[in-house]
Amino acid sequence: MARIELAGLAHSYKANPTEPSDYALRPMEMTWNDGGAYALLGPSGCGKTTLLNIISGLVRPSQGKVLFDGNDVTNLPTEARNIAQVFQFPVIYDTMTVGENLAFPLKNRGWKTADIEKRVSHIAEILELSSDLKNRASGLTADAKQKISLGRGLVRPDVAAVLFDEPLTVIDPHLKWLLRRKLKEIHHELKLSLIYVTHDQIEALTFADKVVVMTEGEVVQIGTAQELFEAPAHTFVGYFIGNPGMNLLPCGYSADGVRIAGVSEFLPPRRGLRMGEGSLKLGIRPEFVECVAHGSAESLPARIISARNMGTHWLVDCQLGDYRVACKQRTLHSVAAGDAVGVRLPDERILYYVNERRVA
């Protein structure tokens, strides 16, 4: 296991990058602690797999360094970095048994037979593969094959880190949930450093201690699930995480307070906001918006666009001034489209963004 540092790291597939858009990975500084579980989260093309491949040694960065426990490994090949990588599709030997597949990385490193059997038995038990150890891998389902691939990545106890590149893509949805829980248990039991790439926010938030959110080659926030949900540092984080994502409403600011376009009422002034700073947006999660009776105290006038009963809650879309606002709440007094309602935005739940970054 290792402490991984990325110092001034950036990468471009172009020979002479000049603009930020020329970079697959924009310059970054980052430290991942020994034994931590991290997820790289973002849409396709945001640079997360490029970053994973730089850590593993499959790609050499255009600039900056990769350090394992303070040692510069930037120019070392993959085999010299002592890492394990699990890919999107199973990488196993079909002609071998499940047990032979799990044992292969250990045999290559000269482990004694008794030690190999003990370690393989342990990993097989964790992944619930014990009954298949003597079966050929070729006859197993895609789900089982990916579990073998996971096992091959986890079987070596001395690796600097285990890197997962969207490993549950081919897995049945129900098994995905089971394997995510299993990976979390494995992390707590084996204390391995795990880095997990995914575009699925549920996978990232349920697996990782810290989530690295990326967009357009840039790391926009690193945080726990609670931090990313309650205090997004960037509008992309607010929009990308959550179902539905954060309401983001362009607004103006004056001495009278904050005003959403198309709404005559002002919200209270907020310390730290000043005119002329740039594009100002108000952000609030649907979970914190309150849809109340028209004319209620401290509410803004709005109209219902749609109201859907989701079983555990109502999901309501309201027209507030020039913008649509989503609201999630347990009970609702009015559900008809076009009905006049009040929308209450609790001040303690409102975040403000200037040029897409949180300022207050």
Protein backbone atom coordinates (compact mmCIF):
# COMPACT_ATOMS: atom_id res chain seq x y z
CA MET A 1 0.00 0.00 0.00
CA ALA A 2 1.20 3.51 -0.69
CA ARG A 3 0.52 7.19 -0.23
CA ILE A 4 0.02 8.55 -3.74
CA GLU A 5 0.87 12.16 -4.61
CA LEU A 6 0.24 13.96 -7.88
CA ALA A 7 2.54 16.99 -8.06
CA GLY A 8 1.84 19.57 -10.77
CA LEU A 9 0.33 16.79 -12.86
CA ALA A 10 -1.19 17.54 -16.27
CA HIS A 11 -1.56 15.71 -19.54
CA SER A 12 -2.33 16.57 -23.15
CA TYR A 13 -2.51 14.33 -26.18
CA LYS A 14 -1.49 17.35 -28.29
CA ALA A 15 2.18 18.15 -28.90
CA ASN A 16 2.04 21.82 -27.90
CA PRO A 17 -0.99 22.56 -25.72
CA THR A 18 -1.74 26.25 -25.21
CA GLU A 19 -5.40 26.48 -24.18
CA PRO A 20 -7.08 24.77 -21.20
CA SER A 21 -9.24 22.85 -23.69
CA ASP A 22 -6.06 21.29 -25.16
CA TYR A 23 -5.56 19.29 -21.96
CA ALA A 24 -7.09 15.90 -21.22
CA LEU A 25 -6.02 16.60 -17.62
CA ARG A 26 -5.57 20.16 -16.42
CA PRO A 27 -2.81 20.91 -13.88
CA MET A 28 -3.57 19.46 -10.45
CA GLU A 29 -2.12 18.81 -7.02
CA MET A 30 -3.53 15.86 -5.11
CA THR A 31 -2.67 13.45 -2.29
CA TRP A 32 -4.33 10.10 -1.61
CA ASN A 33 -3.56 8.59 1.77
CA ASP A 34 -2.29 5.07 2.32
CA GLY A 35 -5.21 2.68 2.82
CA GLY A 36 -7.88 5.12 1.59
CA ALA A 37 -10.78 4.36 -0.73
CA TYR A 38 -11.19 6.98 -3.46
CA ALA A 39 -13.48 7.32 -6.46
CA LEU A 40 -12.88 9.33 -9.64
CA LEU A 41 -16.35 10.49 -10.69
CA GLY A 42 -17.39 12.34 -13.83
CA PRO A 43 -18.99 12.01 -17.26
CA SER A 44 -17.39 10.18 -20.17
CA GLY A 45 -14.42 12.08 -21.56
CA CYS A 46 -13.68 14.06 -18.38
CA GLY A 47 -10.19 12.54 -17.97
CA LYS A 48 -10.73 10.06 -15.16
CA THR A 49 -9.44 7.00 -17.05
CA THR A 50 -6.44 9.01 -18.31
CA LEU A 51 -5.64 9.88 -14.69
CA LEU A 52 -5.97 6.24 -13.64
CA ASN A 53 -3.68 5.14 -16.47
CA ILE A 54 -1.07 7.73 -15.46
CA ILE A 55 -1.08 6.35 -11.92
CA SER A 56 -0.72 2.80 -13.21
CA GLY A 57 2.06 3.71 -15.66
CA LEU A 58 0.13 2.97 -18.85
CA VAL A 59 0.35 6.68 -19.77
CA ARG A 60 3.27 9.05 -19.09
CA PRO A 61 2.06 12.55 -18.11
CA SER A 62 2.99 15.60 -20.20
CA GLN A 63 4.07 17.41 -17.05
CA GLY A 64 4.34 16.87 -13.32
CA LYS A 65 5.18 13.88 -11.15
CA VAL A 66 3.58 10.79 -9.64
CA LEU A 67 5.00 9.80 -6.26
CA PHE A 68 4.40 6.61 -4.26
CA ASP A 69 5.38 7.10 -0.61
CA GLY A 70 7.51 10.08 -1.66
CA ASN A 71 9.36 8.14 -4.38
CA ASP A 72 9.10 9.47 -7.95
CA VAL A 73 7.61 6.72 -10.14
CA THR A 74 6.66 8.96 -13.09
CA ASN A 75 9.04 7.21 -15.49
CA LEU A 76 8.69 3.70 -14.10
CA PRO A 77 6.84 1.08 -16.17
CA THR A 78 3.65 -0.51 -14.87
CA GLU A 79 5.33 -3.69 -13.68
CA ALA A 80 7.74 -1.68 -11.49
CA ARG A 81 4.98 0.20 -9.64
CA ASN A 82 3.55 -2.78 -7.77
CA ILE A 83 -0.08 -1.95 -8.52
CA ALA A 84 -3.06 -4.09 -9.54
CA GLN A 85 -5.63 -2.91 -12.07
CA VAL A 86 -9.15 -4.24 -12.69
CA PHE A 87 -10.64 -3.25 -16.04
CA GLN A 88 -14.15 -2.65 -17.31
CA PHE A 89 -14.34 -6.11 -18.87
CA PRO A 90 -13.07 -9.32 -17.20
CA VAL A 91 -9.38 -10.11 -17.77
CA ILE A 92 -8.98 -13.79 -16.89
CA TYR A 93 -7.64 -17.04 -18.34
CA ASP A 94 -10.60 -19.10 -19.57
CA THR A 95 -8.54 -22.31 -19.77
CA MET A 96 -7.66 -22.12 -16.07
CA THR A 97 -9.84 -22.93 -13.10
CA VAL A 98 -11.09 -20.16 -10.84
CA GLY A 99 -8.50 -21.13 -8.24
CA GLU A 100 -5.67 -21.08 -10.80
CA ASN A 101 -6.76 -17.63 -11.98
CA LEU A 102 -6.68 -16.26 -8.46
CA ALA A 103 -3.34 -17.91 -7.74
CA PHE A 104 -1.63 -16.73 -10.95
CA PRO A 105 -0.36 -13.32 -9.68
CA LEU A 106 1.08 -15.01 -6.59
CA LYS A 107 2.78 -17.83 -8.53
CA ASN A 108 4.42 -15.23 -10.77
CA ARG A 109 5.96 -13.68 -7.66
CA GLY A 110 7.31 -16.94 -6.31
CA TRP A 111 4.96 -17.48 -3.39
CA LYS A 112 5.08 -20.85 -1.64
CA THR A 113 2.25 -23.24 -2.46
CA ALA A 114 0.86 -23.32 1.08
CA ASP A 115 0.80 -19.52 1.27
CA ILE A 116 -0.88 -19.31 -2.14
CA GLU A 117 -3.60 -21.74 -1.14
CA LYS A 118 -4.25 -19.86 2.09
CA ARG A 119 -4.50 -16.46 0.35
CA VAL A 120 -6.63 -17.76 -2.55
CA SER A 121 -9.00 -19.45 -0.11
CA HIS A 122 -9.35 -16.18 1.83
CA ILE A 123 -10.11 -14.04 -1.24
CA ALA A 124 -12.47 -16.68 -2.68
CA GLU A 125 -14.39 -16.73 0.58
CA ILE A 126 -14.72 -12.94 0.60
CA LEU A 127 -16.01 -12.90 -2.99
CA GLU A 128 -18.17 -16.01 -2.48
CA LEU A 129 -16.22 -18.00 -5.07
CA SER A 130 -15.18 -20.88 -2.82
CA SER A 131 -17.58 -23.37 -4.44
CA ASP A 132 -16.21 -22.53 -7.91
CA LEU A 133 -12.47 -22.81 -7.20
CA LYS A 134 -12.11 -26.06 -9.15
CA ASN A 135 -14.38 -25.04 -12.05
CA ARG A 136 -13.02 -23.77 -15.34
CA ALA A 137 -13.52 -20.03 -15.78
CA SER A 138 -14.77 -20.50 -19.36
CA GLY A 139 -18.10 -21.91 -18.22
CA LEU A 140 -19.00 -19.12 -15.82
CA THR A 141 -21.31 -16.14 -16.29
CA ALA A 142 -20.01 -12.64 -17.02
CA ASP A 143 -20.83 -11.68 -13.43
CA ALA A 144 -18.73 -14.52 -12.02
CA LYS A 145 -15.86 -13.79 -14.41
CA GLN A 146 -15.73 -10.19 -13.24
CA LYS A 147 -15.65 -11.40 -9.64
CA ILE A 148 -12.59 -13.47 -10.59
CA SER A 149 -11.04 -10.38 -12.15
CA LEU A 150 -11.71 -8.46 -8.94
CA GLY A 151 -10.15 -11.31 -6.99
CA ARG A 152 -7.00 -11.26 -9.13
CA GLY A 153 -6.65 -7.56 -8.31
CA LEU A 154 -7.18 -8.09 -4.59
CA VAL A 155 -5.19 -11.29 -4.05
CA ARG A 156 -1.79 -9.59 -3.61
CA PRO A 157 -1.59 -8.10 -0.11
CA ASP A 158 1.55 -6.06 -0.84
CA VAL A 159 0.33 -3.89 -3.74
CA ALA A 160 0.78 -0.12 -3.59
CA ALA A 161 -2.82 0.33 -4.77
CA VAL A 162 -5.67 -1.47 -6.54
CA LEU A 163 -7.12 0.52 -9.44
CA PHE A 164 -10.65 -0.16 -10.70
CA ASP A 165 -11.72 1.16 -14.13
CA GLU A 166 -15.54 0.95 -14.14
CA PRO A 167 -15.41 -2.73 -13.07
CA LEU A 168 -19.17 -3.22 -12.61
CA THR A 169 -20.30 -2.16 -16.10
CA VAL A 170 -21.06 -5.74 -17.20
CA ILE A 171 -22.65 -6.72 -13.89
CA ASP A 172 -26.38 -7.28 -13.37
CA PRO A 173 -27.92 -4.26 -11.52
CA HIS A 174 -28.83 -6.27 -8.42
CA LEU A 175 -25.37 -7.83 -8.27
CA LYS A 176 -23.84 -4.36 -8.65
CA TRP A 177 -25.32 -3.41 -5.30
CA LEU A 178 -24.04 -6.60 -3.69
CA LEU A 179 -20.53 -6.19 -5.13
CA ARG A 180 -20.32 -2.53 -4.12
CA ARG A 181 -21.13 -3.57 -0.56
CA LYS A 182 -18.62 -6.41 -0.83
CA LEU A 183 -15.86 -4.07 -2.04
CA LYS A 184 -16.55 -1.79 0.92
CA GLU A 185 -16.23 -4.77 3.27
CA ILE A 186 -13.01 -5.84 1.54
CA HIS A 187 -11.56 -2.37 1.96
CA HIS A 188 -12.26 -2.36 5.68
CA GLU A 189 -10.89 -5.89 6.11
CA LEU A 190 -7.77 -5.78 3.92
CA LYS A 191 -6.89 -2.06 4.37
CA LEU A 192 -5.83 -1.76 0.72
CA SER A 193 -5.52 1.57 -1.11
CA LEU A 194 -8.37 1.53 -3.63
CA ILE A 195 -9.04 3.96 -6.50
CA TYR A 196 -12.29 3.44 -8.36
CA VAL A 197 -13.26 5.10 -11.67
CA THR A 198 -16.97 5.48 -12.48
CA HIS A 199 -19.52 7.80 -14.08
CA ASP A 200 -22.19 6.49 -11.69
CA GLN A 201 -22.67 8.74 -8.67
CA ILE A 202 -24.28 5.96 -6.60
CA GLU A 203 -21.27 3.70 -7.13
CA ALA A 204 -18.87 6.48 -6.19
CA LEU A 205 -20.75 7.76 -3.15
CA THR A 206 -21.42 4.31 -1.67
CA PHE A 207 -17.91 2.96 -2.30
CA ALA A 208 -15.47 5.76 -1.53
CA ASP A 209 -14.35 7.59 1.59
CA LYS A 210 -13.51 10.55 -0.66
CA VAL A 211 -14.86 11.28 -4.15
CA VAL A 212 -12.84 13.21 -6.73
CA VAL A 213 -15.32 14.94 -9.06
CA MET A 214 -13.99 15.77 -12.53
CA THR A 215 -15.26 17.61 -15.58
CA GLU A 216 -13.46 18.61 -18.78
CA GLY A 217 -10.12 17.39 -17.45
CA GLU A 218 -10.36 19.40 -14.22
CA VAL A 219 -10.79 18.28 -10.63
CA VAL A 220 -13.54 20.57 -9.31
CA GLN A 221 -13.99 19.10 -5.82
CA ILE A 222 -12.73 16.34 -3.53
CA GLY A 223 -14.98 15.44 -0.63
CA THR A 224 -17.15 13.00 1.25
CA ALA A 225 -20.66 12.17 0.05
CA GLN A 226 -22.09 14.60 2.60
CA GLU A 227 -19.75 17.43 1.56
CA LEU A 228 -20.53 16.97 -2.12
CA PHE A 229 -24.25 16.95 -1.45
CA GLU A 230 -24.55 19.74 1.09
CA ALA A 231 -21.75 22.07 -0.03
CA PRO A 232 -20.87 21.66 -3.73
CA ALA A 233 -17.80 23.81 -4.46
CA HIS A 234 -18.72 24.10 -8.16
CA THR A 235 -22.03 24.27 -10.00
CA PHE A 236 -21.07 21.13 -11.92
CA VAL A 237 -20.90 19.16 -8.65
CA GLY A 238 -24.34 20.48 -7.66
CA TYR A 239 -25.80 19.59 -11.04
CA PHE A 240 -24.08 16.20 -11.49
CA ILE A 241 -24.68 14.81 -8.01
CA GLY A 242 -28.24 14.33 -6.82
CA ASN A 243 -31.46 13.14 -8.43
CA PRO A 244 -32.54 15.60 -9.58
CA GLY A 245 -29.49 17.81 -9.29
CA MET A 246 -29.22 21.16 -7.55
CA ASN A 247 -31.45 24.04 -8.65
CA LEU A 248 -29.15 26.70 -10.12
CA LEU A 249 -30.84 30.06 -10.67
CA PRO A 250 -29.09 33.08 -12.22
CA CYS A 251 -29.76 36.11 -10.05
CA GLY A 252 -28.74 39.69 -9.36
CA TYR A 253 -27.46 41.38 -6.23
CA SER A 254 -27.95 44.86 -4.83
CA ALA A 255 -28.08 46.61 -1.48
CA ASP A 256 -31.68 45.35 -1.14
CA GLY A 257 -30.61 41.72 -1.41
CA VAL A 258 -30.63 38.94 -4.00
CA ARG A 259 -33.31 38.80 -6.67
CA ILE A 260 -34.05 35.91 -9.03
CA ALA A 261 -34.85 36.98 -12.59
CA GLY A 262 -38.59 37.45 -13.07
CA VAL A 263 -39.32 37.59 -9.32
CA SER A 264 -40.07 40.97 -7.73
CA GLU A 265 -39.31 39.93 -4.14
CA PHE A 266 -35.80 40.06 -2.72
CA LEU A 267 -34.02 37.37 -0.76
CA PRO A 268 -31.97 38.62 2.21
CA PRO A 269 -28.51 40.12 1.52
CA ARG A 270 -25.62 37.69 1.98
CA ARG A 271 -22.21 38.61 3.35
CA GLY A 272 -19.39 38.16 0.84
CA LEU A 273 -21.43 38.92 -2.27
CA ARG A 274 -20.60 42.08 -4.21
CA MET A 275 -21.66 43.60 -7.50
CA GLY A 276 -19.31 43.21 -10.44
CA GLU A 277 -17.80 39.87 -9.41
CA GLY A 278 -19.16 38.03 -12.41
CA SER A 279 -22.04 35.70 -13.19
CA LEU A 280 -23.98 35.10 -9.97
CA LYS A 281 -26.08 31.99 -9.38
CA LEU A 282 -28.15 30.80 -6.46
CA GLY A 283 -27.95 27.08 -5.71
CA ILE A 284 -30.28 25.00 -3.55
CA ARG A 285 -30.99 21.28 -3.45
CA PRO A 286 -34.56 20.12 -4.28
CA GLU A 287 -34.59 18.40 -0.87
CA PHE A 288 -34.36 21.81 0.82
CA VAL A 289 -36.93 23.70 -1.30
CA GLU A 290 -40.37 23.98 0.33
CA CYS A 291 -43.54 24.09 -1.78
CA VAL A 292 -46.17 25.77 0.44
CA ALA A 293 -49.57 27.42 0.13
CA HIS A 294 -49.73 30.53 -2.04
CA GLY A 295 -49.10 33.65 0.03
CA SER A 296 -47.34 31.85 2.88
CA ALA A 297 -44.85 33.87 4.90
CA GLU A 298 -41.31 34.15 3.49
CA SER A 299 -42.31 32.41 0.25
CA LEU A 300 -41.94 33.50 -3.38
CA PRO A 301 -44.93 33.28 -5.75
CA ALA A 302 -44.77 30.36 -8.19
CA ARG A 303 -46.93 27.96 -10.19
CA ILE A 304 -46.87 24.17 -10.39
CA ILE A 305 -45.66 22.78 -13.71
CA SER A 306 -45.92 19.12 -12.71
CA ALA A 307 -46.18 16.99 -9.57
CA ARG A 308 -45.22 13.31 -9.51
CA ASN A 309 -45.85 10.89 -6.67
CA MET A 310 -42.61 8.90 -6.30
CA GLY A 311 -43.96 6.70 -3.49
CA THR A 312 -41.76 7.99 -0.68
CA HIS A 313 -42.06 11.65 -1.72
CA TRP A 314 -43.49 14.08 -4.23
CA LEU A 315 -41.27 15.49 -6.97
CA VAL A 316 -42.63 18.90 -7.93
CA ASP A 317 -41.50 21.23 -10.70
CA CYS A 318 -42.50 24.86 -10.19
CA GLN A 319 -42.17 27.95 -12.34
CA LEU A 320 -40.41 30.55 -10.23
CA GLY A 321 -39.94 33.77 -12.16
CA ASP A 322 -38.06 32.91 -15.35
CA TYR A 323 -36.84 29.53 -14.12
CA ARG A 324 -37.98 26.04 -13.23
CA VAL A 325 -37.36 24.88 -9.67
CA ALA A 326 -37.50 21.25 -8.48
CA CYS A 327 -38.77 20.38 -5.03
CA LYS A 328 -38.84 17.05 -3.14
CA GLN A 329 -41.15 16.75 -0.15
CA ARG A 330 -43.17 14.16 1.74
CA THR A 331 -46.61 15.82 1.51
CA LEU A 332 -48.16 18.28 -0.91
CA HIS A 333 -51.35 20.32 -0.53
CA SER A 334 -51.77 20.99 -4.27
CA VAL A 335 -50.81 18.79 -7.23
CA ALA A 336 -52.61 20.33 -10.22
CA ALA A 337 -50.54 21.89 -12.99
CA GLY A 338 -51.03 25.65 -13.09
CA ASP A 339 -51.96 25.99 -9.40
CA ALA A 340 -50.50 29.01 -7.62
CA VAL A 341 -48.18 28.06 -4.79
CA GLY A 342 -45.44 29.56 -2.69
CA VAL A 343 -41.81 28.48 -2.89
CA ARG A 344 -39.74 28.90 0.22
CA LEU A 345 -35.94 28.89 -0.07
CA PRO A 346 -34.46 28.58 3.45
CA ASP A 347 -31.56 31.04 3.65
CA GLU A 348 -29.35 28.59 5.56
CA ARG A 349 -29.63 26.12 2.65
CA ILE A 350 -28.85 28.58 -0.15
CA LEU A 351 -25.36 28.59 -1.71
CA TYR A 352 -24.07 31.29 -4.06
CA TYR A 353 -21.75 30.82 -7.02
CA VAL A 354 -19.76 33.38 -8.99
CA ASN A 355 -18.44 32.16 -12.33
CA GLU A 356 -19.57 28.64 -11.32
CA ARG A 357 -17.53 28.47 -8.08
CA ARG A 358 -19.02 28.75 -4.62
CA VAL A 359 -18.42 32.05 -2.84
CA ALA A 360 -20.99 32.00 -0.03
